[in-house]
N, C-alpha and C. Protein backbone atom coordinates (compact mmCIF):
# COMPACT_ATOMS: atom_id res chain seq x y z
N MET A 1 0.84 -1.18 0.00
CA MET A 1 0.00 0.00 0.00
C MET A 1 0.89 1.24 0.00
N THR A 2 0.60 2.17 -0.88
CA THR A 2 1.38 3.41 -0.95
C THR A 2 0.60 4.56 -0.34
N ILE A 3 1.34 5.54 0.13
CA ILE A 3 0.72 6.73 0.73
C ILE A 3 0.76 7.85 -0.31
N SER A 4 -0.37 8.50 -0.51
CA SER A 4 -0.43 9.57 -1.50
C SER A 4 0.30 10.81 -0.98
N LYS A 5 0.66 11.71 -1.88
CA LYS A 5 1.34 12.95 -1.48
C LYS A 5 0.46 13.78 -0.55
N ALA A 6 -0.83 13.77 -0.77
CA ALA A 6 -1.75 14.53 0.09
C ALA A 6 -1.71 13.99 1.52
N GLU A 7 -1.66 12.66 1.65
CA GLU A 7 -1.58 12.05 2.99
C GLU A 7 -0.24 12.34 3.64
N GLN A 8 0.83 12.36 2.85
CA GLN A 8 2.16 12.68 3.39
C GLN A 8 2.20 14.10 3.93
N LEU A 9 1.56 15.02 3.26
CA LEU A 9 1.54 16.41 3.70
C LEU A 9 0.90 16.56 5.08
N HIS A 10 -0.10 15.76 5.36
CA HIS A 10 -0.78 15.84 6.65
C HIS A 10 0.02 15.20 7.78
N THR A 11 0.95 14.30 7.44
CA THR A 11 1.73 13.64 8.49
C THR A 11 3.06 14.34 8.77
N VAL A 12 3.53 15.20 7.86
CA VAL A 12 4.78 15.91 8.05
C VAL A 12 4.54 17.15 8.89
N LYS A 13 5.35 17.30 9.94
CA LYS A 13 5.23 18.46 10.80
C LYS A 13 5.75 19.70 10.06
N ARG A 14 4.98 20.75 10.09
CA ARG A 14 5.37 21.99 9.44
C ARG A 14 6.43 22.68 10.28
N TRP A 15 7.53 23.09 9.64
CA TRP A 15 8.62 23.74 10.34
C TRP A 15 8.24 25.19 10.66
N VAL A 16 8.48 25.59 11.89
CA VAL A 16 8.24 26.96 12.32
C VAL A 16 9.55 27.50 12.87
N ARG A 17 9.95 28.63 12.37
CA ARG A 17 11.20 29.25 12.76
C ARG A 17 11.06 30.01 14.07
N ILE A 18 12.09 29.93 14.93
CA ILE A 18 12.13 30.78 16.13
C ILE A 18 12.46 32.19 15.64
N LEU A 19 11.64 33.14 16.00
CA LEU A 19 11.76 34.50 15.48
C LEU A 19 13.01 35.22 15.98
N ASP A 20 13.56 36.11 15.14
CA ASP A 20 14.70 36.93 15.53
C ASP A 20 14.35 37.74 16.77
N GLY A 21 15.32 37.86 17.66
CA GLY A 21 15.12 38.62 18.89
C GLY A 21 14.62 37.78 20.05
N THR A 22 14.28 36.51 19.80
CA THR A 22 13.79 35.64 20.86
C THR A 22 14.96 35.22 21.76
N LYS A 23 14.74 35.30 23.06
CA LYS A 23 15.77 34.88 24.01
C LYS A 23 15.68 33.37 24.21
N VAL A 24 16.86 32.72 24.17
CA VAL A 24 16.92 31.27 24.26
C VAL A 24 18.02 30.84 25.23
N ARG A 25 17.93 29.58 25.67
CA ARG A 25 18.94 28.96 26.52
C ARG A 25 19.30 27.62 25.89
N PHE A 26 20.59 27.31 25.86
CA PHE A 26 21.04 26.02 25.36
C PHE A 26 20.68 24.94 26.37
N ARG A 27 20.12 23.84 25.89
CA ARG A 27 19.75 22.73 26.78
C ARG A 27 21.00 22.16 27.46
N GLU A 28 22.06 22.01 26.70
CA GLU A 28 23.26 21.31 27.18
C GLU A 28 24.03 22.09 28.24
N ASP A 29 24.46 23.29 27.92
CA ASP A 29 25.35 24.02 28.83
C ASP A 29 24.71 25.24 29.49
N ARG A 30 23.45 25.48 29.21
CA ARG A 30 22.64 26.53 29.84
C ARG A 30 23.10 27.95 29.51
N ARG A 31 23.96 28.11 28.49
CA ARG A 31 24.29 29.47 28.04
C ARG A 31 23.03 30.10 27.48
N GLU A 32 22.95 31.42 27.55
CA GLU A 32 21.79 32.12 27.01
C GLU A 32 22.22 33.03 25.88
N GLY A 33 21.29 33.28 24.98
CA GLY A 33 21.57 34.16 23.85
C GLY A 33 20.28 34.62 23.20
N ILE A 34 20.43 35.28 22.07
CA ILE A 34 19.30 35.85 21.35
C ILE A 34 19.37 35.39 19.90
N ILE A 35 18.26 34.90 19.38
CA ILE A 35 18.20 34.45 17.98
C ILE A 35 18.47 35.66 17.08
N ASN A 36 19.40 35.45 16.14
CA ASN A 36 19.80 36.52 15.24
C ASN A 36 19.80 36.01 13.81
N GLY A 37 18.76 35.31 13.43
CA GLY A 37 18.63 34.84 12.06
C GLY A 37 18.95 33.38 11.88
N LEU A 38 19.08 32.99 10.61
CA LEU A 38 19.41 31.62 10.22
C LEU A 38 20.66 31.66 9.36
N THR A 39 21.42 30.58 9.41
CA THR A 39 22.57 30.41 8.52
C THR A 39 22.33 29.17 7.69
N LYS A 40 22.32 29.34 6.38
CA LYS A 40 22.10 28.23 5.47
C LYS A 40 23.36 27.38 5.41
N LEU A 41 23.19 26.07 5.48
CA LEU A 41 24.30 25.13 5.42
C LEU A 41 24.21 24.34 4.13
N ASP A 42 25.29 24.31 3.38
CA ASP A 42 25.31 23.54 2.14
C ASP A 42 25.60 22.07 2.39
N MET A 43 26.29 21.77 3.50
CA MET A 43 26.67 20.39 3.79
C MET A 43 26.47 20.12 5.27
N GLY A 44 26.43 18.83 5.60
CA GLY A 44 26.35 18.44 7.01
C GLY A 44 24.99 17.92 7.40
N PRO A 45 24.95 17.02 8.38
CA PRO A 45 23.69 16.39 8.76
C PRO A 45 22.86 17.18 9.77
N CYS A 46 23.47 18.08 10.50
CA CYS A 46 22.76 18.77 11.60
C CYS A 46 22.10 20.05 11.09
N ARG A 47 20.82 19.95 10.81
CA ARG A 47 20.06 21.10 10.33
C ARG A 47 18.68 21.08 10.98
N ASN A 48 18.04 22.24 10.99
CA ASN A 48 16.68 22.32 11.50
C ASN A 48 15.74 21.51 10.62
N SER A 49 14.51 21.43 11.00
CA SER A 49 13.51 20.65 10.26
C SER A 49 13.29 21.15 8.84
N ASP A 50 13.77 22.38 8.54
CA ASP A 50 13.66 22.89 7.17
C ASP A 50 14.68 22.24 6.25
N SER A 51 15.60 21.44 6.81
CA SER A 51 16.64 20.72 6.07
C SER A 51 17.66 21.64 5.41
N ARG A 52 17.70 22.91 5.82
CA ARG A 52 18.61 23.83 5.16
C ARG A 52 19.47 24.67 6.09
N ALA A 53 19.07 24.89 7.34
CA ALA A 53 19.74 25.92 8.13
C ALA A 53 19.85 25.55 9.60
N GLN A 54 20.65 26.36 10.30
CA GLN A 54 20.71 26.33 11.75
C GLN A 54 20.45 27.75 12.24
N CYS A 55 20.03 27.85 13.50
CA CYS A 55 19.79 29.15 14.10
C CYS A 55 21.12 29.82 14.42
N ARG A 56 21.20 31.10 14.16
CA ARG A 56 22.36 31.91 14.52
C ARG A 56 22.01 32.59 15.83
N ILE A 57 22.87 32.41 16.86
CA ILE A 57 22.55 32.93 18.19
C ILE A 57 23.67 33.85 18.67
N ASN A 58 23.27 35.05 19.05
CA ASN A 58 24.20 36.02 19.64
C ASN A 58 24.33 35.65 21.11
N ILE A 59 25.56 35.29 21.53
CA ILE A 59 25.78 34.88 22.92
C ILE A 59 26.64 35.86 23.69
N GLY A 60 26.92 37.01 23.10
CA GLY A 60 27.73 38.03 23.76
C GLY A 60 27.93 39.21 22.83
N ASP A 61 28.78 40.13 23.24
CA ASP A 61 28.99 41.36 22.45
C ASP A 61 29.16 41.08 20.96
N SER A 62 30.18 40.35 20.60
CA SER A 62 30.39 40.03 19.19
C SER A 62 30.52 38.52 18.98
N ASP A 63 30.12 37.76 19.98
CA ASP A 63 30.19 36.30 19.89
C ASP A 63 28.84 35.73 19.45
N TRP A 64 28.90 34.77 18.53
CA TRP A 64 27.69 34.08 18.12
C TRP A 64 28.05 32.64 17.79
N THR A 65 27.04 31.82 17.75
CA THR A 65 27.21 30.41 17.45
C THR A 65 25.99 29.91 16.69
N LEU A 66 26.09 28.71 16.16
CA LEU A 66 24.98 28.08 15.45
C LEU A 66 24.42 26.95 16.30
N ALA A 67 23.12 26.71 16.18
CA ALA A 67 22.50 25.62 16.93
C ALA A 67 21.22 25.17 16.23
N LEU A 68 20.84 23.95 16.52
CA LEU A 68 19.55 23.44 16.07
C LEU A 68 18.47 23.90 17.02
N GLU A 69 17.27 24.10 16.51
CA GLU A 69 16.16 24.51 17.38
C GLU A 69 15.91 23.50 18.49
N ASP A 70 16.10 22.23 18.22
CA ASP A 70 15.87 21.19 19.23
C ASP A 70 16.86 21.29 20.39
N ASP A 71 17.99 21.96 20.19
CA ASP A 71 19.00 22.11 21.24
C ASP A 71 18.77 23.34 22.10
N LEU A 72 17.69 24.07 21.81
CA LEU A 72 17.42 25.33 22.49
C LEU A 72 16.13 25.28 23.29
N LEU A 73 16.11 26.05 24.37
CA LEU A 73 14.89 26.28 25.14
C LEU A 73 14.51 27.74 24.94
N VAL A 74 13.24 28.00 24.74
CA VAL A 74 12.75 29.37 24.55
C VAL A 74 12.44 29.95 25.93
N LEU A 75 13.01 31.11 26.23
CA LEU A 75 12.81 31.74 27.53
C LEU A 75 11.50 32.52 27.56
N THR A 76 10.80 32.42 28.69
CA THR A 76 9.53 33.12 28.88
C THR A 76 9.56 33.91 30.19
N ASP A 77 8.59 34.81 30.33
CA ASP A 77 8.43 35.52 31.59
C ASP A 77 7.57 34.66 32.53
N VAL A 78 7.22 35.19 33.69
CA VAL A 78 6.46 34.40 34.68
C VAL A 78 5.07 34.03 34.16
N ASP A 79 4.55 34.77 33.20
CA ASP A 79 3.23 34.48 32.63
C ASP A 79 3.30 33.54 31.43
N GLY A 80 4.52 33.10 31.07
CA GLY A 80 4.66 32.19 29.94
C GLY A 80 4.77 32.87 28.59
N VAL A 81 4.94 34.20 28.58
CA VAL A 81 5.08 34.94 27.32
C VAL A 81 6.55 34.93 26.91
N VAL A 82 6.81 34.63 25.66
CA VAL A 82 8.16 34.56 25.12
C VAL A 82 8.87 35.90 25.31
N LEU A 83 10.12 35.83 25.77
CA LEU A 83 10.93 37.03 25.95
C LEU A 83 11.64 37.36 24.65
N MET A 84 11.50 38.62 24.23
CA MET A 84 12.13 39.08 22.99
C MET A 84 12.73 40.46 23.24
N VAL A 85 13.82 40.75 22.55
CA VAL A 85 14.41 42.08 22.67
C VAL A 85 13.73 43.03 21.69
N LYS A 86 13.59 44.26 22.12
CA LYS A 86 13.05 45.35 21.29
C LYS A 86 11.68 45.07 20.69
N GLN A 87 10.81 44.37 21.44
CA GLN A 87 9.47 44.09 20.94
C GLN A 87 8.44 44.45 22.01
N GLN A 88 7.30 44.93 21.57
CA GLN A 88 6.20 45.29 22.45
C GLN A 88 5.48 44.03 22.94
N GLY A 89 4.75 44.17 24.04
CA GLY A 89 4.05 43.06 24.66
C GLY A 89 3.12 42.30 23.73
N GLU A 90 2.35 43.00 22.93
CA GLU A 90 1.39 42.33 22.04
C GLU A 90 2.12 41.46 21.02
N TYR A 91 3.21 41.96 20.46
CA TYR A 91 3.99 41.17 19.50
C TYR A 91 4.54 39.91 20.17
N CYS A 92 5.01 40.05 21.41
CA CYS A 92 5.54 38.89 22.15
C CYS A 92 4.46 37.85 22.40
N ARG A 93 3.22 38.30 22.66
CA ARG A 93 2.13 37.36 22.88
C ARG A 93 1.79 36.61 21.58
N VAL A 94 1.82 37.31 20.46
CA VAL A 94 1.58 36.65 19.16
C VAL A 94 2.71 35.67 18.86
N ALA A 95 3.95 36.06 19.14
CA ALA A 95 5.10 35.17 18.94
C ALA A 95 4.97 33.93 19.82
N THR A 96 4.46 34.10 21.03
CA THR A 96 4.26 32.98 21.94
C THR A 96 3.28 31.97 21.34
N GLN A 97 2.16 32.45 20.84
CA GLN A 97 1.17 31.56 20.22
C GLN A 97 1.76 30.85 19.00
N HIS A 98 2.53 31.58 18.21
CA HIS A 98 3.19 31.05 17.02
C HIS A 98 4.11 29.89 17.39
N LEU A 99 4.92 30.08 18.42
CA LEU A 99 5.88 29.05 18.82
C LEU A 99 5.22 27.90 19.57
N GLN A 100 4.22 28.20 20.39
CA GLN A 100 3.54 27.14 21.14
C GLN A 100 2.79 26.18 20.22
N ALA A 101 2.40 26.67 19.05
CA ALA A 101 1.72 25.81 18.09
C ALA A 101 2.68 24.80 17.45
N ALA A 102 3.98 25.08 17.52
CA ALA A 102 4.96 24.23 16.84
C ALA A 102 5.83 23.41 17.78
N PHE A 103 6.09 23.91 18.97
CA PHE A 103 7.04 23.26 19.87
C PHE A 103 6.33 22.64 21.07
N ALA A 104 6.96 21.60 21.60
CA ALA A 104 6.43 20.94 22.79
C ALA A 104 6.57 21.87 24.00
N ALA A 105 5.72 21.68 24.99
CA ALA A 105 5.73 22.53 26.18
C ALA A 105 7.07 22.52 26.91
N ASP A 106 7.80 21.40 26.83
CA ASP A 106 9.08 21.32 27.54
C ASP A 106 10.18 22.12 26.86
N GLN A 107 9.89 22.75 25.72
CA GLN A 107 10.89 23.59 25.06
C GLN A 107 10.78 25.05 25.52
N PHE A 108 9.87 25.32 26.43
CA PHE A 108 9.70 26.66 27.00
C PHE A 108 10.10 26.61 28.46
N VAL A 109 10.84 27.60 28.90
CA VAL A 109 11.30 27.64 30.30
C VAL A 109 11.30 29.09 30.78
N LYS A 110 10.91 29.26 32.03
CA LYS A 110 10.90 30.60 32.60
C LYS A 110 12.33 31.08 32.82
N ALA A 111 12.57 32.35 32.49
CA ALA A 111 13.89 32.94 32.69
C ALA A 111 14.17 33.08 34.18
N ALA A 112 15.44 33.00 34.54
CA ALA A 112 15.84 33.12 35.95
C ALA A 112 15.72 34.54 36.45
């Protein structure tokens, strides 16, 4: 039995990008940073669900690194709203809904 393309579309999870300016924490070493875009990778197995890129994260004045979305935790305030730099409250609430629709609840963590 074969699966039609229409059926495949319903079973594939739609990739949702973590928005620029979102504050994140690395799961492994607990460093924190701010999403600063995507970097397209031409080679290599470690890529986001879009199969093309990794998140670019600003981790200091001029320091940045690349990471997969699965390796990151999204930081929230005490009310569960995603923390973002230079964004108004309403935009942060919309960003929260956008990300909560795509990521598991354990990928969100309250900031210290």
